[in-house]
N, C-alpha and C. Protein backbone atom coordinates (compact mmCIF):
# COMPACT_ATOMS: atom_id res chain seq x y z
N UNK A 1 59.03 -86.45 108.78
CA UNK A 1 57.92 -87.27 108.48
C UNK A 1 56.66 -86.78 109.15
N UNK A 2 56.88 -86.38 110.32
CA UNK A 2 55.74 -85.84 111.04
C UNK A 2 55.19 -84.61 110.35
N UNK A 3 56.11 -83.88 109.77
CA UNK A 3 55.64 -82.70 109.04
C UNK A 3 54.79 -83.12 107.87
N UNK A 4 55.23 -84.16 107.17
CA UNK A 4 54.48 -84.63 106.01
C UNK A 4 53.12 -85.16 106.43
N UNK A 5 53.10 -85.88 107.57
CA UNK A 5 51.83 -86.42 108.04
C UNK A 5 50.87 -85.28 108.36
N UNK A 6 51.37 -84.27 109.03
CA UNK A 6 50.51 -83.14 109.35
C UNK A 6 50.02 -82.45 108.08
N UNK A 7 50.91 -82.35 107.11
CA UNK A 7 50.50 -81.72 105.85
C UNK A 7 49.42 -82.55 105.19
N UNK A 8 49.65 -83.90 105.24
CA UNK A 8 48.66 -84.78 104.62
C UNK A 8 47.33 -84.68 105.36
N UNK A 9 47.41 -84.64 106.69
CA UNK A 9 46.18 -84.53 107.47
C UNK A 9 45.49 -83.20 107.17
N UNK A 10 46.32 -82.15 107.13
CA UNK A 10 45.75 -80.83 106.81
C UNK A 10 45.11 -80.85 105.43
N UNK A 11 45.85 -81.47 104.48
CA UNK A 11 45.31 -81.48 103.13
C UNK A 11 44.07 -82.37 103.06
N UNK A 12 44.09 -83.51 103.85
CA UNK A 12 42.89 -84.36 103.84
C UNK A 12 41.74 -83.65 104.53
N UNK A 13 42.08 -82.91 105.61
CA UNK A 13 41.02 -82.10 106.26
C UNK A 13 40.47 -81.06 105.30
N UNK A 14 41.39 -80.45 104.57
CA UNK A 14 40.96 -79.45 103.58
C UNK A 14 40.11 -80.08 102.52
N UNK A 15 40.57 -81.28 102.07
CA UNK A 15 39.80 -81.92 101.02
C UNK A 15 38.44 -82.37 101.56
N UNK A 16 38.42 -82.83 102.82
CA UNK A 16 37.15 -83.19 103.42
C UNK A 16 36.26 -81.96 103.58
N UNK A 17 36.86 -80.87 104.05
CA UNK A 17 36.09 -79.62 104.17
C UNK A 17 35.60 -79.15 102.80
N UNK A 18 36.43 -79.31 101.82
CA UNK A 18 36.03 -78.94 100.45
C UNK A 18 34.88 -79.78 99.98
N UNK A 19 34.95 -81.11 100.28
CA UNK A 19 33.85 -81.99 99.90
C UNK A 19 32.58 -81.62 100.66
N UNK A 20 32.76 -81.31 101.95
CA UNK A 20 31.61 -80.90 102.74
C UNK A 20 30.99 -79.62 102.17
N UNK A 21 31.85 -78.68 101.80
CA UNK A 21 31.35 -77.43 101.21
C UNK A 21 30.62 -77.69 99.90
N UNK A 22 31.15 -78.58 99.10
CA UNK A 22 30.52 -78.91 97.82
C UNK A 22 29.16 -79.54 98.07
N UNK A 23 29.11 -80.48 99.04
CA UNK A 23 27.84 -81.13 99.34
C UNK A 23 26.84 -80.11 99.89
N UNK A 24 27.33 -79.22 100.77
CA UNK A 24 26.45 -78.18 101.30
C UNK A 24 25.91 -77.31 100.16
N UNK A 25 26.80 -76.95 99.24
CA UNK A 25 26.38 -76.14 98.09
C UNK A 25 25.34 -76.87 97.26
N UNK A 26 25.55 -78.20 97.07
CA UNK A 26 24.59 -78.99 96.30
C UNK A 26 23.24 -79.02 96.99
N UNK A 27 23.24 -79.22 98.30
CA UNK A 27 21.99 -79.25 99.07
C UNK A 27 21.28 -77.90 98.96
N UNK A 28 22.07 -76.82 99.11
CA UNK A 28 21.47 -75.48 99.00
C UNK A 28 20.89 -75.24 97.61
N UNK A 29 21.61 -75.72 96.57
CA UNK A 29 21.11 -75.56 95.20
C UNK A 29 19.80 -76.32 95.02
N UNK A 30 19.73 -77.56 95.55
CA UNK A 30 18.51 -78.37 95.43
C UNK A 30 17.36 -77.67 96.15
N UNK A 31 17.63 -77.17 97.36
CA UNK A 31 16.60 -76.47 98.13
C UNK A 31 16.15 -75.22 97.39
N UNK A 32 17.12 -74.47 96.86
CA UNK A 32 16.75 -73.24 96.16
C UNK A 32 16.00 -73.55 94.86
N UNK A 33 16.34 -74.66 94.18
CA UNK A 33 15.60 -75.06 92.98
C UNK A 33 14.17 -75.41 93.36
N UNK A 34 13.98 -76.12 94.48
CA UNK A 34 12.62 -76.45 94.94
C UNK A 34 11.84 -75.17 95.24
N UNK A 35 12.49 -74.20 95.90
CA UNK A 35 11.85 -72.92 96.19
C UNK A 35 11.47 -72.21 94.89
N UNK A 36 12.39 -72.24 93.91
CA UNK A 36 12.10 -71.61 92.62
C UNK A 36 10.92 -72.28 91.95
N UNK A 37 10.89 -73.64 92.00
CA UNK A 37 9.76 -74.37 91.42
C UNK A 37 8.47 -73.99 92.14
N UNK A 38 8.53 -73.89 93.45
CA UNK A 38 7.35 -73.53 94.24
C UNK A 38 6.89 -72.11 93.88
N UNK A 39 7.86 -71.19 93.81
CA UNK A 39 7.53 -69.80 93.44
C UNK A 39 6.99 -69.72 92.02
N UNK A 40 7.59 -70.49 91.12
CA UNK A 40 7.10 -70.43 89.74
C UNK A 40 5.71 -71.05 89.64
N UNK A 41 5.41 -72.07 90.44
CA UNK A 41 4.06 -72.64 90.46
C UNK A 41 3.05 -71.60 90.94
N UNK A 42 3.41 -70.88 92.01
CA UNK A 42 2.53 -69.83 92.51
C UNK A 42 2.36 -68.73 91.48
N UNK A 43 3.47 -68.34 90.84
CA UNK A 43 3.40 -67.31 89.81
C UNK A 43 2.51 -67.76 88.66
N UNK A 44 2.65 -69.01 88.26
CA UNK A 44 1.81 -69.54 87.17
C UNK A 44 0.34 -69.54 87.55
N UNK A 45 0.05 -69.93 88.80
CA UNK A 45 -1.35 -69.92 89.27
C UNK A 45 -1.92 -68.51 89.24
N UNK A 46 -1.10 -67.55 89.70
CA UNK A 46 -1.55 -66.15 89.71
C UNK A 46 -1.79 -65.65 88.29
N UNK A 47 -0.87 -66.00 87.38
CA UNK A 47 -1.02 -65.58 85.99
C UNK A 47 -2.26 -66.22 85.36
N UNK A 48 -2.49 -67.49 85.70
CA UNK A 48 -3.67 -68.19 85.18
C UNK A 48 -4.95 -67.54 85.69
N UNK A 49 -4.98 -67.26 86.99
CA UNK A 49 -6.16 -66.59 87.56
C UNK A 49 -6.37 -65.22 86.93
N UNK A 50 -5.30 -64.48 86.71
CA UNK A 50 -5.40 -63.16 86.08
C UNK A 50 -5.90 -63.29 84.64
N UNK A 51 -5.40 -64.30 83.93
CA UNK A 51 -5.84 -64.52 82.54
C UNK A 51 -7.32 -64.87 82.49
N UNK A 52 -7.76 -65.71 83.43
CA UNK A 52 -9.19 -66.08 83.50
C UNK A 52 -10.03 -64.85 83.79
N UNK A 53 -9.57 -64.03 84.72
CA UNK A 53 -10.30 -62.80 85.08
C UNK A 53 -10.36 -61.84 83.89
N UNK A 54 -9.24 -61.70 83.18
CA UNK A 54 -9.20 -60.84 82.00
C UNK A 54 -10.15 -61.35 80.93
N UNK A 55 -10.20 -62.66 80.76
CA UNK A 55 -11.10 -63.25 79.76
C UNK A 55 -12.55 -62.98 80.12
N UNK A 56 -12.88 -63.14 81.40
CA UNK A 56 -14.26 -62.86 81.85
C UNK A 56 -14.64 -61.41 81.59
N UNK A 57 -13.71 -60.49 81.90
CA UNK A 57 -13.97 -59.07 81.67
C UNK A 57 -14.17 -58.78 80.18
N UNK A 58 -13.31 -59.38 79.35
CA UNK A 58 -13.42 -59.17 77.91
C UNK A 58 -14.74 -59.70 77.37
N UNK A 59 -15.15 -60.88 77.85
CA UNK A 59 -16.43 -61.45 77.42
C UNK A 59 -17.60 -60.58 77.86
N UNK A 60 -17.54 -60.08 79.09
CA UNK A 60 -18.62 -59.21 79.59
C UNK A 60 -18.68 -57.91 78.79
N UNK A 61 -17.51 -57.36 78.48
CA UNK A 61 -17.48 -56.12 77.70
C UNK A 61 -18.02 -56.35 76.29
N UNK A 62 -17.66 -57.48 75.70
CA UNK A 62 -18.17 -57.81 74.36
C UNK A 62 -19.69 -57.97 74.39
N UNK A 63 -20.21 -58.60 75.43
CA UNK A 63 -21.66 -58.78 75.56
C UNK A 63 -22.36 -57.44 75.74
N UNK A 64 -21.78 -56.56 76.56
CA UNK A 64 -22.36 -55.23 76.75
C UNK A 64 -22.34 -54.44 75.44
N UNK A 65 -21.26 -54.54 74.70
CA UNK A 65 -21.17 -53.85 73.41
C UNK A 65 -22.22 -54.38 72.44
N UNK A 66 -22.41 -55.69 72.45
CA UNK A 66 -23.42 -56.30 71.57
C UNK A 66 -24.82 -55.80 71.93
N UNK A 67 -25.12 -55.80 73.23
CA UNK A 67 -26.44 -55.32 73.67
C UNK A 67 -26.65 -53.86 73.33
N UNK A 68 -25.60 -53.05 73.55
CA UNK A 68 -25.68 -51.62 73.24
C UNK A 68 -25.92 -51.42 71.74
N UNK A 69 -25.26 -52.23 70.93
CA UNK A 69 -25.44 -52.15 69.47
C UNK A 69 -26.86 -52.49 69.06
N UNK A 70 -27.42 -53.54 69.68
CA UNK A 70 -28.80 -53.92 69.38
C UNK A 70 -29.76 -52.81 69.79
N UNK A 71 -29.54 -52.24 70.98
CA UNK A 71 -30.40 -51.16 71.46
C UNK A 71 -30.31 -49.94 70.55
N UNK A 72 -29.08 -49.58 70.14
CA UNK A 72 -28.91 -48.44 69.24
C UNK A 72 -29.60 -48.68 67.91
N UNK A 73 -29.52 -49.91 67.41
CA UNK A 73 -30.17 -50.25 66.15
C UNK A 73 -31.69 -50.12 66.28
N UNK A 74 -32.24 -50.64 67.38
CA UNK A 74 -33.69 -50.52 67.61
C UNK A 74 -34.10 -49.05 67.70
N UNK A 75 -33.30 -48.25 68.41
CA UNK A 75 -33.63 -46.82 68.55
C UNK A 75 -33.59 -46.12 67.20
N UNK A 76 -32.60 -46.46 66.38
CA UNK A 76 -32.52 -45.79 65.07
C UNK A 76 -33.66 -46.23 64.16
N UNK A 77 -34.08 -47.48 64.27
CA UNK A 77 -35.24 -47.92 63.47
C UNK A 77 -36.53 -47.24 63.96
N UNK A 78 -36.62 -47.11 65.27
CA UNK A 78 -37.84 -46.57 65.86
C UNK A 78 -37.94 -45.06 65.67
N UNK A 79 -36.82 -44.35 65.86
CA UNK A 79 -36.86 -42.88 65.86
C UNK A 79 -36.01 -42.26 64.76
N UNK A 80 -35.53 -43.04 63.82
CA UNK A 80 -34.66 -42.53 62.77
C UNK A 80 -35.32 -41.49 61.88
N UNK A 81 -36.62 -41.58 61.71
CA UNK A 81 -37.33 -40.65 60.84
C UNK A 81 -38.01 -39.52 61.62
N UNK A 82 -37.53 -39.25 62.82
CA UNK A 82 -38.12 -38.23 63.68
C UNK A 82 -38.06 -36.84 63.04
N UNK A 83 -36.90 -36.45 62.53
CA UNK A 83 -36.75 -35.11 61.92
C UNK A 83 -37.62 -34.99 60.68
N UNK A 84 -37.68 -36.04 59.87
CA UNK A 84 -38.53 -36.01 58.67
C UNK A 84 -40.00 -35.89 59.06
N UNK A 85 -40.40 -36.62 60.08
CA UNK A 85 -41.79 -36.57 60.53
C UNK A 85 -42.15 -35.16 61.01
N UNK A 86 -41.23 -34.52 61.74
CA UNK A 86 -41.49 -33.14 62.20
C UNK A 86 -41.70 -32.20 61.02
N UNK A 87 -40.89 -32.37 59.98
CA UNK A 87 -41.01 -31.51 58.80
C UNK A 87 -42.35 -31.74 58.09
N UNK A 88 -42.83 -32.97 58.12
CA UNK A 88 -44.08 -33.30 57.42
C UNK A 88 -45.32 -32.78 58.15
N UNK A 89 -45.19 -32.40 59.40
CA UNK A 89 -46.35 -31.91 60.15
C UNK A 89 -46.92 -30.64 59.53
N UNK A 90 -46.08 -29.77 59.04
CA UNK A 90 -46.58 -28.54 58.43
C UNK A 90 -47.34 -28.85 57.14
N UNK A 91 -46.95 -29.91 56.44
CA UNK A 91 -47.67 -30.32 55.23
C UNK A 91 -49.07 -30.80 55.60
N UNK A 92 -49.15 -31.61 56.65
CA UNK A 92 -50.46 -32.10 57.11
C UNK A 92 -51.33 -30.92 57.55
N UNK A 93 -50.74 -29.98 58.28
CA UNK A 93 -51.49 -28.80 58.73
C UNK A 93 -52.05 -28.03 57.54
N UNK A 94 -51.23 -27.85 56.52
CA UNK A 94 -51.68 -27.11 55.33
C UNK A 94 -52.80 -27.84 54.61
N UNK A 95 -52.66 -29.16 54.47
CA UNK A 95 -53.71 -29.93 53.80
C UNK A 95 -55.00 -29.92 54.61
N UNK A 96 -54.90 -30.04 55.94
CA UNK A 96 -56.10 -29.98 56.78
C UNK A 96 -56.75 -28.61 56.68
N UNK A 97 -55.96 -27.59 56.64
CA UNK A 97 -56.48 -26.23 56.51
C UNK A 97 -57.22 -26.06 55.18
N UNK A 98 -56.65 -26.62 54.12
CA UNK A 98 -57.29 -26.54 52.80
C UNK A 98 -58.61 -27.30 52.79
N UNK A 99 -58.62 -28.49 53.40
CA UNK A 99 -59.86 -29.30 53.44
C UNK A 99 -60.91 -28.60 54.29
N UNK A 100 -60.52 -28.05 55.45
CA UNK A 100 -61.48 -27.40 56.34
C UNK A 100 -62.04 -26.10 55.74
N UNK A 101 -61.27 -25.44 54.89
CA UNK A 101 -61.75 -24.19 54.31
C UNK A 101 -62.56 -24.40 53.02
N UNK A 102 -62.62 -25.63 52.53
CA UNK A 102 -63.41 -25.90 51.33
C UNK A 102 -64.89 -25.89 51.69
N UNK A 103 -65.73 -25.53 50.73
CA UNK A 103 -67.17 -25.47 51.02
C UNK A 103 -67.74 -26.85 51.36
N UNK A 104 -68.69 -26.86 52.31
CA UNK A 104 -69.31 -28.12 52.71
C UNK A 104 -70.21 -28.67 51.60
N UNK A 105 -70.94 -27.77 50.94
CA UNK A 105 -71.84 -28.18 49.87
C UNK A 105 -71.09 -28.10 48.55
N UNK A 106 -70.68 -29.25 48.06
CA UNK A 106 -69.87 -29.29 46.84
C UNK A 106 -70.73 -29.37 45.57
N UNK A 107 -72.04 -29.47 45.74
CA UNK A 107 -72.93 -29.61 44.57
C UNK A 107 -72.91 -28.35 43.70
N UNK A 108 -72.68 -27.21 44.31
CA UNK A 108 -72.71 -25.96 43.56
C UNK A 108 -71.39 -25.69 42.83
N UNK A 109 -70.38 -26.50 43.08
CA UNK A 109 -69.06 -26.28 42.48
C UNK A 109 -68.96 -26.94 41.11
N UNK A 110 -68.01 -26.46 40.32
CA UNK A 110 -67.77 -27.09 39.02
C UNK A 110 -67.09 -28.44 39.24
N UNK A 111 -67.11 -29.27 38.21
CA UNK A 111 -66.51 -30.60 38.31
C UNK A 111 -65.01 -30.52 38.60
N UNK A 112 -64.33 -29.56 37.96
CA UNK A 112 -62.89 -29.41 38.17
C UNK A 112 -62.59 -29.06 39.63
N UNK A 113 -63.36 -28.15 40.20
CA UNK A 113 -63.15 -27.74 41.59
C UNK A 113 -63.46 -28.88 42.54
N UNK A 114 -64.56 -29.61 42.26
CA UNK A 114 -64.91 -30.78 43.08
C UNK A 114 -63.77 -31.79 43.07
N UNK A 115 -63.26 -32.10 41.87
CA UNK A 115 -62.18 -33.08 41.74
C UNK A 115 -60.92 -32.61 42.46
N UNK A 116 -60.64 -31.33 42.39
CA UNK A 116 -59.48 -30.78 43.08
C UNK A 116 -59.61 -30.97 44.59
N UNK A 117 -60.78 -30.62 45.13
CA UNK A 117 -61.01 -30.76 46.58
C UNK A 117 -60.94 -32.22 46.99
N UNK A 118 -61.54 -33.11 46.21
CA UNK A 118 -61.51 -34.54 46.50
C UNK A 118 -60.06 -35.04 46.47
N UNK A 119 -59.26 -34.54 45.52
CA UNK A 119 -57.84 -34.93 45.43
C UNK A 119 -57.06 -34.50 46.67
N UNK A 120 -57.32 -33.28 47.15
CA UNK A 120 -56.65 -32.80 48.36
C UNK A 120 -57.06 -33.65 49.57
N UNK A 121 -58.36 -33.98 49.66
CA UNK A 121 -58.84 -34.81 50.77
C UNK A 121 -58.20 -36.21 50.73
N UNK A 122 -58.09 -36.77 49.53
CA UNK A 122 -57.48 -38.10 49.39
C UNK A 122 -55.99 -38.06 49.75
N UNK A 123 -55.32 -36.98 49.33
CA UNK A 123 -53.90 -36.83 49.66
C UNK A 123 -53.72 -36.75 51.17
N UNK A 124 -54.58 -35.98 51.83
CA UNK A 124 -54.51 -35.86 53.28
C UNK A 124 -54.74 -37.21 53.95
N UNK A 125 -55.72 -37.97 53.48
CA UNK A 125 -56.00 -39.29 54.07
C UNK A 125 -54.84 -40.26 53.85
N UNK A 126 -54.23 -40.21 52.67
CA UNK A 126 -53.08 -41.09 52.41
C UNK A 126 -51.91 -40.74 53.32
N UNK A 127 -51.69 -39.44 53.49
CA UNK A 127 -50.60 -39.00 54.36
C UNK A 127 -50.85 -39.43 55.81
N UNK A 128 -52.09 -39.31 56.25
CA UNK A 128 -52.43 -39.76 57.60
C UNK A 128 -52.25 -41.26 57.75
N UNK A 129 -52.55 -42.02 56.69
CA UNK A 129 -52.36 -43.47 56.72
C UNK A 129 -50.86 -43.81 56.81
N UNK A 130 -50.03 -43.07 56.08
CA UNK A 130 -48.58 -43.28 56.16
C UNK A 130 -48.09 -42.96 57.58
N UNK A 131 -48.58 -41.88 58.15
CA UNK A 131 -48.23 -41.53 59.53
C UNK A 131 -48.61 -42.67 60.47
N UNK A 132 -49.81 -43.19 60.30
CA UNK A 132 -50.29 -44.27 61.14
C UNK A 132 -49.41 -45.52 60.99
N UNK A 133 -49.01 -45.82 59.78
CA UNK A 133 -48.14 -46.99 59.53
C UNK A 133 -46.80 -46.86 60.24
N UNK A 134 -46.34 -45.62 60.43
CA UNK A 134 -45.04 -45.38 61.07
C UNK A 134 -45.20 -44.92 62.52
N UNK A 135 -46.34 -45.21 63.12
CA UNK A 135 -46.61 -44.91 64.54
C UNK A 135 -46.51 -43.43 64.88
N UNK A 136 -46.92 -42.59 63.95
CA UNK A 136 -47.00 -41.16 64.21
C UNK A 136 -48.46 -40.88 64.53
N UNK A 137 -48.72 -40.48 65.77
CA UNK A 137 -50.10 -40.33 66.25
C UNK A 137 -50.45 -38.87 66.49
N UNK A 138 -51.70 -38.57 66.19
CA UNK A 138 -52.21 -37.22 66.41
C UNK A 138 -52.67 -37.09 67.86
N UNK A 139 -52.38 -35.95 68.45
CA UNK A 139 -52.84 -35.65 69.81
C UNK A 139 -53.91 -34.57 69.68
N UNK A 140 -55.17 -34.98 69.86
CA UNK A 140 -56.29 -34.04 69.79
C UNK A 140 -57.00 -34.08 71.14
N UNK A 141 -56.59 -33.20 72.06
CA UNK A 141 -56.99 -33.35 73.47
C UNK A 141 -58.26 -32.57 73.88
N UNK A 142 -59.16 -32.30 72.98
CA UNK A 142 -60.36 -31.54 73.32
C UNK A 142 -61.08 -32.18 74.51
N UNK A 143 -61.27 -31.39 75.58
CA UNK A 143 -61.99 -31.87 76.76
C UNK A 143 -61.12 -32.62 77.76
N UNK A 144 -59.86 -32.88 77.42
CA UNK A 144 -58.96 -33.58 78.34
C UNK A 144 -58.42 -32.63 79.40
N UNK A 145 -57.85 -33.22 80.44
CA UNK A 145 -57.17 -32.44 81.47
C UNK A 145 -55.84 -31.96 80.89
N UNK A 146 -55.46 -30.72 81.20
CA UNK A 146 -54.21 -30.16 80.68
C UNK A 146 -53.01 -30.93 81.22
N UNK A 147 -52.11 -31.34 80.33
CA UNK A 147 -50.88 -32.06 80.70
C UNK A 147 -49.72 -31.32 80.04
N UNK A 148 -48.88 -30.70 80.85
CA UNK A 148 -47.79 -29.90 80.30
C UNK A 148 -46.77 -30.73 79.53
N UNK A 149 -46.80 -32.06 79.66
CA UNK A 149 -45.88 -32.92 78.91
C UNK A 149 -46.23 -33.00 77.43
N UNK A 150 -47.52 -32.87 77.11
CA UNK A 150 -47.95 -33.01 75.70
C UNK A 150 -48.76 -31.83 75.20
N UNK A 151 -49.06 -30.87 76.07
CA UNK A 151 -49.85 -29.70 75.68
C UNK A 151 -49.07 -28.42 75.94
N UNK A 152 -49.37 -27.43 75.13
CA UNK A 152 -48.80 -26.10 75.35
C UNK A 152 -49.97 -25.12 75.45
N UNK A 153 -50.11 -24.50 76.62
CA UNK A 153 -51.22 -23.58 76.85
C UNK A 153 -50.93 -22.26 76.13
N UNK A 154 -51.87 -21.87 75.28
CA UNK A 154 -51.73 -20.61 74.56
C UNK A 154 -52.50 -19.49 75.26
N UNK A 155 -53.58 -19.88 75.93
CA UNK A 155 -54.36 -18.90 76.69
C UNK A 155 -55.17 -19.62 77.75
N UNK A 156 -55.69 -18.84 78.71
CA UNK A 156 -56.62 -19.35 79.71
C UNK A 156 -57.92 -18.56 79.59
N UNK A 157 -59.01 -19.27 79.75
CA UNK A 157 -60.32 -18.62 79.65
C UNK A 157 -61.12 -18.90 80.91
N UNK A 158 -61.60 -17.82 81.53
CA UNK A 158 -62.42 -17.98 82.73
C UNK A 158 -63.80 -18.48 82.34
N UNK A 159 -64.23 -19.55 83.02
CA UNK A 159 -65.55 -20.12 82.74
C UNK A 159 -66.02 -20.94 83.93
N UNK A 160 -67.35 -21.01 84.08
CA UNK A 160 -67.96 -21.85 85.10
C UNK A 160 -68.59 -23.09 84.48
N UNK A 161 -68.56 -23.17 83.15
CA UNK A 161 -69.21 -24.28 82.46
C UNK A 161 -68.46 -25.60 82.63
N UNK A 162 -67.14 -25.53 82.75
CA UNK A 162 -66.33 -26.75 82.95
C UNK A 162 -65.39 -26.50 84.12
N UNK A 163 -64.88 -27.58 84.67
CA UNK A 163 -63.95 -27.43 85.79
C UNK A 163 -62.63 -26.83 85.31
N UNK A 164 -61.91 -26.17 86.19
CA UNK A 164 -60.63 -25.55 85.80
C UNK A 164 -59.59 -26.58 85.40
N UNK A 165 -58.74 -26.20 84.44
CA UNK A 165 -57.65 -27.07 84.01
C UNK A 165 -58.00 -27.99 82.85
N UNK A 166 -59.23 -27.85 82.32
CA UNK A 166 -59.61 -28.67 81.16
C UNK A 166 -59.33 -27.90 79.87
N UNK A 167 -59.05 -28.64 78.81
CA UNK A 167 -58.80 -28.03 77.51
C UNK A 167 -60.14 -27.73 76.85
N UNK A 168 -60.35 -26.45 76.58
CA UNK A 168 -61.62 -26.04 75.99
C UNK A 168 -61.51 -25.72 74.50
N UNK A 169 -60.28 -25.55 74.03
CA UNK A 169 -60.09 -25.29 72.60
C UNK A 169 -58.71 -25.81 72.17
N UNK A 170 -58.71 -26.47 71.00
CA UNK A 170 -57.44 -26.94 70.42
C UNK A 170 -57.15 -26.07 69.22
N UNK A 171 -56.10 -25.27 69.33
CA UNK A 171 -55.73 -24.38 68.23
C UNK A 171 -54.93 -25.13 67.17
N UNK A 172 -54.08 -26.04 67.63
CA UNK A 172 -53.28 -26.86 66.72
C UNK A 172 -53.04 -28.20 67.39
N UNK A 173 -53.38 -29.31 66.70
CA UNK A 173 -53.18 -30.62 67.34
C UNK A 173 -51.70 -30.94 67.48
N UNK A 174 -51.40 -31.77 68.45
CA UNK A 174 -50.02 -32.23 68.65
C UNK A 174 -49.80 -33.56 67.96
N UNK A 175 -48.55 -33.96 67.89
CA UNK A 175 -48.20 -35.22 67.26
C UNK A 175 -47.10 -35.91 68.07
N UNK A 176 -47.13 -37.24 68.07
CA UNK A 176 -46.08 -38.01 68.75
C UNK A 176 -45.62 -39.15 67.85
N UNK A 177 -44.36 -39.52 68.01
CA UNK A 177 -43.78 -40.67 67.31
C UNK A 177 -43.47 -41.70 68.38
N UNK A 178 -44.19 -42.82 68.34
CA UNK A 178 -44.14 -43.83 69.40
C UNK A 178 -44.43 -43.11 70.72
N UNK A 179 -43.45 -43.02 71.61
CA UNK A 179 -43.68 -42.35 72.89
C UNK A 179 -42.98 -41.00 72.95
N UNK A 180 -42.42 -40.53 71.86
CA UNK A 180 -41.73 -39.24 71.84
C UNK A 180 -42.63 -38.17 71.23
N UNK A 181 -42.59 -37.02 71.84
CA UNK A 181 -43.40 -35.91 71.37
C UNK A 181 -42.74 -35.24 70.18
N UNK A 182 -43.48 -35.15 69.07
CA UNK A 182 -42.98 -34.41 67.91
C UNK A 182 -43.32 -32.93 68.05
N UNK A 183 -44.56 -32.69 68.46
CA UNK A 183 -45.02 -31.31 68.63
C UNK A 183 -46.14 -31.31 69.67
N UNK A 184 -46.08 -30.40 70.64
CA UNK A 184 -47.17 -30.35 71.63
C UNK A 184 -48.43 -29.77 71.01
N UNK A 185 -49.56 -30.17 71.54
CA UNK A 185 -50.84 -29.59 71.10
C UNK A 185 -50.96 -28.18 71.69
N UNK A 186 -51.31 -27.22 70.86
CA UNK A 186 -51.47 -25.84 71.33
C UNK A 186 -52.94 -25.65 71.69
N UNK A 187 -53.16 -25.34 72.96
CA UNK A 187 -54.52 -25.40 73.48
C UNK A 187 -54.88 -24.18 74.31
N UNK A 188 -56.21 -24.01 74.50
CA UNK A 188 -56.75 -23.06 75.45
C UNK A 188 -57.28 -23.83 76.64
N UNK A 189 -57.02 -23.30 77.84
CA UNK A 189 -57.33 -24.03 79.09
C UNK A 189 -58.35 -23.23 79.89
N UNK A 190 -59.28 -23.96 80.51
CA UNK A 190 -60.29 -23.33 81.34
C UNK A 190 -59.68 -22.87 82.66
N UNK A 191 -60.27 -21.78 83.17
CA UNK A 191 -59.79 -21.21 84.43
C UNK A 191 -61.02 -20.84 85.25
N UNK A 192 -60.93 -20.97 86.56
CA UNK A 192 -62.05 -20.64 87.42
C UNK A 192 -62.29 -19.13 87.38
N UNK A 193 -63.57 -18.76 87.28
CA UNK A 193 -63.91 -17.35 87.24
C UNK A 193 -63.58 -16.70 88.57
N UNK A 194 -63.04 -15.52 88.46
CA UNK A 194 -62.73 -14.74 89.68
C UNK A 194 -64.00 -14.15 90.21
N UNK A 195 -64.20 -14.23 91.52
CA UNK A 195 -65.38 -13.64 92.13
C UNK A 195 -65.24 -12.13 92.18
N UNK A 196 -66.25 -11.42 91.68
CA UNK A 196 -66.21 -9.96 91.70
C UNK A 196 -67.06 -9.49 92.86
N UNK A 197 -66.40 -9.10 93.92
CA UNK A 197 -67.13 -8.61 95.09
C UNK A 197 -66.99 -7.13 95.25
């Protein structure tokens, strides 16, 4: 009987230990679930912050792209006809040359020749008006100080009549489109006379 009692006590101790182990396991599971919930809350907060940061970056990039697009559009409207304008400069030069070489006194000319010269002059004026409408400006720097940004020196002439560095002759006028140079003015520049001792 004593053996049975000891067995029962052992088995009850075992069953009590088993119950204790089960309860300990349950407590550990509850604690670990709370830790998991806490970790998942932190993870969610981090993911949310990262998503907000990503959204801000995407919005900023979209805004920069929009601004860049607007700027590119303005530039293309402003300077899109730059190559065409450069090509047209030789036409203006030819028409100006024709007008300048025509006789000043047109009374001695036949009607056909007079009309032809008047037609060339009108064509030149219309072309200059179109240039003006598209902000293509002539650079005629006679008497100005030499500026290497818009002038190209073709020669220097020694003189005491004007101070050195002034433009004394314009061989070919320059042209600009808005603030961009289409062609520099080709000029002659004054130079101080060398003293001959």
